[in-house]
Amino acid sequence: MEISVIVPCFNAERFLRVCLESLRAQKTPDLEMIFIDDGSTDATGAILDAFAREEPRAKVIHTLNKGVSAARNRGIAMATGRYIAFVDADDALEEDSFARLYQAAMRSGAQITSANHILFDEALGQRVPVEIEPVRQQPSEIVKEIIHMHRIYNNLWNKLYLRDLFDGGMRLDESVRIGEDALLNLRLYLRAKRVTHLAECTYVYRIHARSAMANIGQYSQAHQPMLRSMDSILLSEGIKELYFRDFLQSCIWIEEKENGIKASMKVFNERIRPLVLHGVDANRVPQRDRTIYRLVQKGYFPQFYLMQRVKEKVTGRKWGIRR
């Protein structure tokens, strides 16, 4: 078996058949499809069972509702393929998606192969390609992009992972509800030695009223568990100082996205600064970031940041994250 594709499903009857047909159309390489019915109360379970009776590559597991991360973790534990892929039940694959990802992995020897994707806005009926910004294909560079909330590298879907990367209990954090994909990808890219990106759109991500990101509520508050977990990962790997500015920018961006620039800076020293400085050894901060570190440490960063944002408008040169 070459690829195990894991599909968590919860009350997905509205879109599930489109997803299933896009999976059925993937003819090569050899696939096993692992569907985890996460305690659905609609017709999801029945649709999956009917599909499995017709599709010999499909396996269906019905569980109590424990959330998408638990469902994916169950699928990872069951996977037997050389590679693992993830698909969400309300999304779909483009034609020959897995064949193209697999061929790119074979050519490059990459342990993680990513690709571009299509955003499909259900309300507008529009398909918008999401293409990658130029990024050097080195795991250390991808880690920086993940910390920056990258719109491609943060997602588990639209990638092919060598199954060996999950050895030793590499799993999703089931206590984190928003950003759990990014946290696992952060750990996987830290473990990977070779990665590649396919400049083709192989996945269709559906935007609709019931999607997780459409119901996120208070953006900053919802992302705090992810930021705390990211902080823990960076510290445990001994690399928080190396990515000090990146983590700082991400913490600001999440607050700013909900509350704006000035409001974010008013609460920076009280709300953002403690997590940014947590566990940081000043002597290990790279020389290029020491001025920024001292500004944060002494409580002067908000004034500096507001000036940088004014400069951005004048020069067009961005200091923070703008996605």
Protein backbone atom coordinates (compact mmCIF):
# COMPACT_ATOMS: atom_id res chain seq x y z
CA MET A 1 0.00 0.00 0.00
CA GLU A 2 1.43 3.36 -1.01
CA ILE A 3 -0.96 5.94 0.48
CA SER A 4 -3.31 5.89 3.47
CA VAL A 5 -5.76 8.77 3.20
CA ILE A 6 -7.48 9.70 6.46
CA VAL A 7 -10.90 11.37 6.34
CA PRO A 8 -12.53 12.49 9.62
CA CYS A 9 -16.30 12.86 9.20
CA PHE A 10 -18.80 14.58 11.46
CA ASN A 11 -22.32 15.41 10.27
CA ALA A 12 -20.97 15.85 6.75
CA GLU A 13 -23.90 14.48 4.72
CA ARG A 14 -24.37 17.71 2.77
CA PHE A 15 -20.94 17.60 1.10
CA LEU A 16 -19.74 14.06 1.72
CA ARG A 17 -20.77 12.49 -1.59
CA VAL A 18 -18.69 15.04 -3.55
CA CYS A 19 -15.69 14.19 -1.39
CA LEU A 20 -16.23 10.45 -1.83
CA GLU A 21 -16.52 10.65 -5.60
CA SER A 22 -13.30 12.68 -5.79
CA LEU A 23 -11.57 9.96 -3.77
CA ARG A 24 -13.05 7.18 -5.88
CA ALA A 25 -11.63 8.90 -8.98
CA GLN A 26 -8.06 8.63 -7.64
CA LYS A 27 -6.83 5.53 -9.49
CA THR A 28 -3.11 5.57 -8.73
CA PRO A 29 -1.09 4.89 -6.70
CA ASP A 30 -2.50 2.16 -4.44
CA LEU A 31 -4.72 3.75 -1.78
CA GLU A 32 -6.46 2.79 1.39
CA MET A 33 -9.19 5.17 2.49
CA ILE A 34 -9.74 5.37 6.24
CA PHE A 35 -12.99 7.09 7.21
CA ILE A 36 -13.55 7.94 10.87
CA ASP A 37 -17.23 8.66 11.53
CA ASP A 38 -16.86 10.87 14.61
CA GLY A 39 -20.22 10.25 16.23
CA SER A 40 -22.30 11.77 13.43
CA THR A 41 -26.03 12.18 14.10
CA ASP A 42 -27.06 12.68 10.47
CA ALA A 43 -26.78 10.28 7.50
CA THR A 44 -22.96 10.46 7.38
CA GLY A 45 -22.45 6.95 8.80
CA ALA A 46 -24.94 5.37 6.40
CA ILE A 47 -23.39 7.15 3.40
CA LEU A 48 -19.93 5.92 4.40
CA ASP A 49 -21.11 2.34 4.91
CA ALA A 50 -22.79 2.32 1.49
CA PHE A 51 -19.63 3.69 -0.11
CA ALA A 52 -17.46 1.04 1.57
CA ARG A 53 -19.69 -1.75 0.24
CA GLU A 54 -18.94 -0.56 -3.31
CA GLU A 55 -15.34 0.62 -2.82
CA PRO A 56 -12.90 -2.12 -1.69
CA ARG A 57 -10.25 0.45 -0.78
CA ALA A 58 -12.47 2.02 1.92
CA LYS A 59 -12.53 1.25 5.65
CA VAL A 60 -15.09 2.87 7.95
CA ILE A 61 -14.76 3.23 11.71
CA HIS A 62 -17.69 4.55 13.76
CA THR A 63 -16.71 6.18 17.06
CA LEU A 64 -18.17 8.39 19.76
CA ASN A 65 -17.74 12.09 19.07
CA LYS A 66 -14.29 13.11 20.30
CA GLY A 67 -13.36 15.80 17.79
CA VAL A 68 -11.43 16.00 14.54
CA SER A 69 -7.98 15.58 16.13
CA ALA A 70 -8.96 12.35 17.90
CA ALA A 71 -10.47 11.09 14.64
CA ARG A 72 -7.30 11.86 12.69
CA ASN A 73 -5.16 10.26 15.40
CA ARG A 74 -7.24 7.10 15.16
CA GLY A 75 -6.66 7.10 11.41
CA ILE A 76 -2.90 7.59 11.81
CA ALA A 77 -2.75 4.59 14.13
CA MET A 78 -4.59 2.46 11.55
CA ALA A 79 -2.61 3.59 8.49
CA THR A 80 -0.52 0.98 6.69
CA GLY A 81 0.55 2.98 3.64
CA ARG A 82 4.05 4.19 2.91
CA TYR A 83 2.62 7.73 2.94
CA ILE A 84 -0.21 9.41 4.83
CA ALA A 85 -2.59 12.05 3.46
CA PHE A 86 -5.50 13.89 5.03
CA VAL A 87 -8.76 14.99 3.42
CA ASP A 88 -11.65 16.82 5.11
CA ALA A 89 -15.13 15.47 4.46
CA ASP A 90 -16.48 18.79 3.13
CA ASP A 91 -13.61 19.23 0.65
CA ALA A 92 -12.62 17.45 -2.55
CA LEU A 93 -9.60 16.41 -4.59
CA GLU A 94 -8.72 17.50 -8.09
CA GLU A 95 -8.20 14.84 -10.75
CA ASP A 96 -5.07 12.69 -10.18
CA SER A 97 -4.17 14.65 -7.03
CA PHE A 98 -2.49 11.76 -5.25
CA ALA A 99 -0.70 10.60 -8.39
CA ARG A 100 0.83 14.05 -8.83
CA LEU A 101 1.84 14.38 -5.17
CA TYR A 102 3.24 10.85 -5.16
CA GLN A 103 5.27 11.40 -8.33
CA ALA A 104 6.71 14.62 -6.89
CA ALA A 105 7.69 12.75 -3.71
CA MET A 106 9.33 9.99 -5.72
CA ARG A 107 11.30 12.44 -7.88
CA SER A 108 12.57 14.49 -4.95
CA GLY A 109 12.83 11.90 -2.19
CA ALA A 110 10.88 14.33 0.02
CA GLN A 111 9.45 13.21 3.32
CA ILE A 112 6.76 15.89 3.03
CA THR A 113 5.30 16.99 -0.29
CA SER A 114 2.91 19.95 -0.38
CA ALA A 115 0.89 21.56 -3.18
CA ASN A 116 -1.25 24.60 -3.91
CA HIS A 117 -5.02 24.47 -3.54
CA ILE A 118 -8.31 25.99 -4.64
CA LEU A 119 -10.61 27.94 -2.33
CA PHE A 120 -14.20 27.26 -3.32
CA ASP A 121 -16.63 29.84 -1.93
CA GLU A 122 -19.94 28.02 -1.85
CA ALA A 123 -22.03 31.19 -1.47
CA LEU A 124 -20.41 32.92 -4.44
CA GLY A 125 -19.74 29.79 -6.50
CA GLN A 126 -16.16 30.97 -7.07
CA ARG A 127 -12.93 28.97 -7.31
CA VAL A 128 -9.84 30.95 -6.29
CA PRO A 129 -6.35 29.41 -6.61
CA VAL A 130 -4.12 29.75 -3.53
CA GLU A 131 -0.52 29.70 -4.69
CA ILE A 132 2.59 29.69 -2.60
CA GLU A 133 4.83 32.69 -2.14
CA PRO A 134 8.48 31.98 -3.04
CA VAL A 135 9.90 29.97 -0.14
CA ARG A 136 13.23 28.17 -0.01
CA GLN A 137 12.42 24.47 0.26
CA GLN A 138 14.30 23.81 3.49
CA PRO A 139 12.54 22.49 6.61
CA SER A 140 13.96 25.36 8.72
CA GLU A 141 12.42 27.90 6.34
CA ILE A 142 9.07 26.10 6.35
CA VAL A 143 9.09 26.11 10.17
CA LYS A 144 9.34 29.90 10.03
CA GLU A 145 6.39 30.02 7.64
CA ILE A 146 4.30 27.78 9.90
CA ILE A 147 4.97 30.08 12.86
CA HIS A 148 3.82 32.90 10.54
CA MET A 149 0.46 31.16 10.01
CA HIS A 150 1.17 30.27 6.40
CA ARG A 151 -1.96 29.60 4.37
CA ILE A 152 -0.52 26.47 2.75
CA TYR A 153 2.04 25.03 5.17
CA ASN A 154 -0.23 25.24 8.21
CA ASN A 155 -2.79 22.78 6.83
CA LEU A 156 -2.57 18.99 7.04
CA TRP A 157 -4.61 18.49 3.89
CA ASN A 158 -3.02 18.83 0.46
CA LYS A 159 0.18 17.16 1.55
CA LEU A 160 1.80 13.76 1.44
CA TYR A 161 3.72 12.66 4.54
CA LEU A 162 6.11 9.75 4.81
CA ARG A 163 4.45 7.56 7.45
CA ASP A 164 7.77 7.07 9.25
CA LEU A 165 7.56 10.71 10.40
CA PHE A 166 4.69 9.71 12.71
CA ASP A 167 6.74 7.01 14.49
CA GLY A 168 7.23 7.47 18.21
CA GLY A 169 3.72 8.78 18.89
CA MET A 170 3.73 11.88 16.66
CA ARG A 171 0.05 12.86 16.86
CA LEU A 172 -2.29 15.84 16.96
CA ASP A 173 -2.85 17.62 20.27
CA GLU A 174 -6.47 16.75 21.05
CA SER A 175 -6.76 19.58 23.59
CA VAL A 176 -6.28 22.26 20.89
CA ARG A 177 -9.32 23.06 18.74
CA ILE A 178 -7.98 25.85 16.51
CA GLY A 179 -4.56 25.59 14.86
CA GLU A 180 -3.99 21.93 15.69
CA ASP A 181 -2.91 21.31 12.08
CA ALA A 182 -0.17 23.92 12.36
CA LEU A 183 1.17 22.43 15.59
CA LEU A 184 1.52 18.95 14.11
CA ASN A 185 3.05 20.35 10.93
CA LEU A 186 5.53 22.34 13.02
CA ARG A 187 6.72 19.13 14.66
CA LEU A 188 6.70 17.14 11.40
CA TYR A 189 8.71 19.74 9.48
CA LEU A 190 11.17 19.95 12.38
CA ARG A 191 11.62 16.18 12.01
CA ALA A 192 11.81 16.13 8.20
CA LYS A 193 15.12 16.37 6.37
CA ARG A 194 13.86 16.87 2.82
CA VAL A 195 10.67 18.59 1.64
CA THR A 196 9.26 19.75 -1.67
CA HIS A 197 6.35 21.74 -3.05
CA LEU A 198 4.28 21.02 -6.14
CA ALA A 199 3.25 24.20 -7.97
CA GLU A 200 -0.12 22.76 -8.98
CA CYS A 201 -3.55 22.92 -7.34
CA THR A 202 -4.52 19.44 -6.18
CA TYR A 203 -7.10 20.13 -3.45
CA VAL A 204 -10.39 22.04 -3.24
CA TYR A 205 -11.08 23.65 0.15
CA ARG A 206 -14.74 24.53 0.57
CA ILE A 207 -15.73 27.73 2.40
CA HIS A 208 -19.24 27.50 3.82
CA ALA A 209 -21.26 28.73 6.78
CA ARG A 210 -20.65 25.59 8.88
CA SER A 211 -16.89 25.35 8.38
CA ALA A 212 -14.67 25.59 11.46
CA MET A 213 -12.98 28.80 10.38
CA ALA A 214 -16.33 30.45 9.65
CA ASN A 215 -17.39 29.87 13.27
CA ILE A 216 -14.23 30.81 15.08
CA GLY A 217 -15.78 33.51 17.28
CA GLN A 218 -13.23 35.65 19.11
CA TYR A 219 -10.17 35.18 16.93
CA SER A 220 -7.45 36.01 19.44
CA GLN A 221 -8.96 34.11 22.34
CA ALA A 222 -9.60 31.07 20.15
CA HIS A 223 -5.94 30.94 19.08
CA GLN A 224 -4.35 31.25 22.55
CA PRO A 225 -4.17 27.47 23.20
CA MET A 226 -2.39 27.06 19.87
CA LEU A 227 0.10 29.83 20.71
CA ARG A 228 0.81 28.33 24.13
CA SER A 229 1.36 24.90 22.59
CA MET A 230 3.59 26.40 19.89
CA ASP A 231 5.59 28.10 22.61
CA SER A 232 6.00 24.75 24.37
CA ILE A 233 7.18 23.03 21.17
CA LEU A 234 9.74 25.74 20.38
CA LEU A 235 11.09 25.62 23.93
CA SER A 236 11.27 21.83 24.04
CA GLU A 237 13.16 21.83 20.74
CA GLY A 238 15.52 24.53 22.05
CA ILE A 239 14.77 26.86 19.14
CA LYS A 240 12.51 29.57 20.53
CA GLU A 241 15.35 32.10 20.49
CA LEU A 242 16.13 31.25 16.85
CA TYR A 243 12.52 32.04 15.91
CA PHE A 244 12.02 34.83 18.46
CA ARG A 245 10.96 37.50 15.99
CA ASP A 246 8.71 35.11 14.08
CA PHE A 247 6.86 34.03 17.22
CA LEU A 248 6.55 37.65 18.33
CA GLN A 249 5.09 38.63 14.97
CA SER A 250 2.62 35.76 15.06
CA CYS A 251 1.38 36.67 18.54
CA ILE A 252 0.88 40.27 17.44
CA TRP A 253 -0.81 39.31 14.18
CA ILE A 254 -3.40 37.14 15.92
CA GLU A 255 -4.29 39.92 18.37
CA GLU A 256 -4.23 42.58 15.67
CA LYS A 257 -6.46 40.57 13.32
CA GLU A 258 -9.30 40.79 15.83
CA ASN A 259 -8.69 44.10 17.61
CA GLY A 260 -6.63 46.30 15.30
CA ILE A 261 -3.18 47.85 15.66
CA LYS A 262 -3.67 50.43 18.41
CA ALA A 263 -5.83 48.23 20.63
CA SER A 264 -3.31 45.38 20.31
CA MET A 265 -0.43 47.60 21.36
CA LYS A 266 -2.38 48.88 24.36
CA VAL A 267 -2.58 45.34 25.74
CA PHE A 268 0.80 44.15 24.41
CA ASN A 269 2.83 44.39 27.64
CA GLU A 270 0.08 42.79 29.71
CA ARG A 271 -1.30 40.18 27.33
CA ILE A 272 1.28 39.36 24.62
CA ARG A 273 4.69 40.12 26.15
CA PRO A 274 4.66 37.38 28.87
CA LEU A 275 4.22 34.56 26.35
CA VAL A 276 6.75 36.03 23.92
CA LEU A 277 9.42 36.25 26.63
CA HIS A 278 8.52 32.96 28.33
CA GLY A 279 11.57 30.71 28.68
CA VAL A 280 13.79 32.83 26.37
CA ASP A 281 17.51 32.91 27.16
CA ALA A 282 18.69 36.40 26.21
CA ASN A 283 22.18 35.08 25.45
CA ARG A 284 20.81 32.73 22.78
CA VAL A 285 18.77 35.33 20.88
CA PRO A 286 20.43 35.88 17.47
CA GLN A 287 22.32 39.15 17.10
CA ARG A 288 19.89 40.35 14.45
CA ASP A 289 16.99 40.19 16.93
CA ARG A 290 18.62 41.47 20.11
CA THR A 291 17.40 45.03 19.73
CA ILE A 292 13.83 43.77 19.30
CA TYR A 293 14.27 41.46 22.30
CA ARG A 294 15.46 44.33 24.52
CA LEU A 295 12.52 46.51 23.44
CA VAL A 296 10.10 43.74 24.36
CA GLN A 297 11.88 43.00 27.62
CA LYS A 298 11.89 46.65 28.76
CA GLY A 299 8.29 47.29 27.73
CA TYR A 300 9.06 49.76 24.93
CA PHE A 301 8.02 47.56 22.04
CA PRO A 302 4.51 49.05 21.48
CA GLN A 303 5.95 52.48 20.65
CA PHE A 304 8.49 50.91 18.29
CA TYR A 305 5.84 48.82 16.56
CA LEU A 306 3.47 51.74 15.99
CA MET A 307 6.34 53.64 14.35
CA GLN A 308 7.10 50.63 12.15
CA ARG A 309 3.52 50.50 10.96
CA VAL A 310 3.68 54.18 10.00
CA LYS A 311 6.90 53.49 8.08
CA GLU A 312 5.17 50.62 6.26
CA LYS A 313 2.63 53.02 4.81
CA VAL A 314 5.38 55.37 3.62
CA THR A 315 7.93 52.84 2.32
CA GLY A 316 5.76 49.80 1.52
CA ARG A 317 8.27 47.59 3.37
CA LYS A 318 6.48 45.23 5.76
CA TRP A 319 7.79 44.53 9.22
CA GLY A 320 5.10 42.15 10.46
CA ILE A 321 3.01 39.35 9.02
CA ARG A 322 0.52 40.29 6.34
CA ARG A 323 -1.40 37.32 4.97
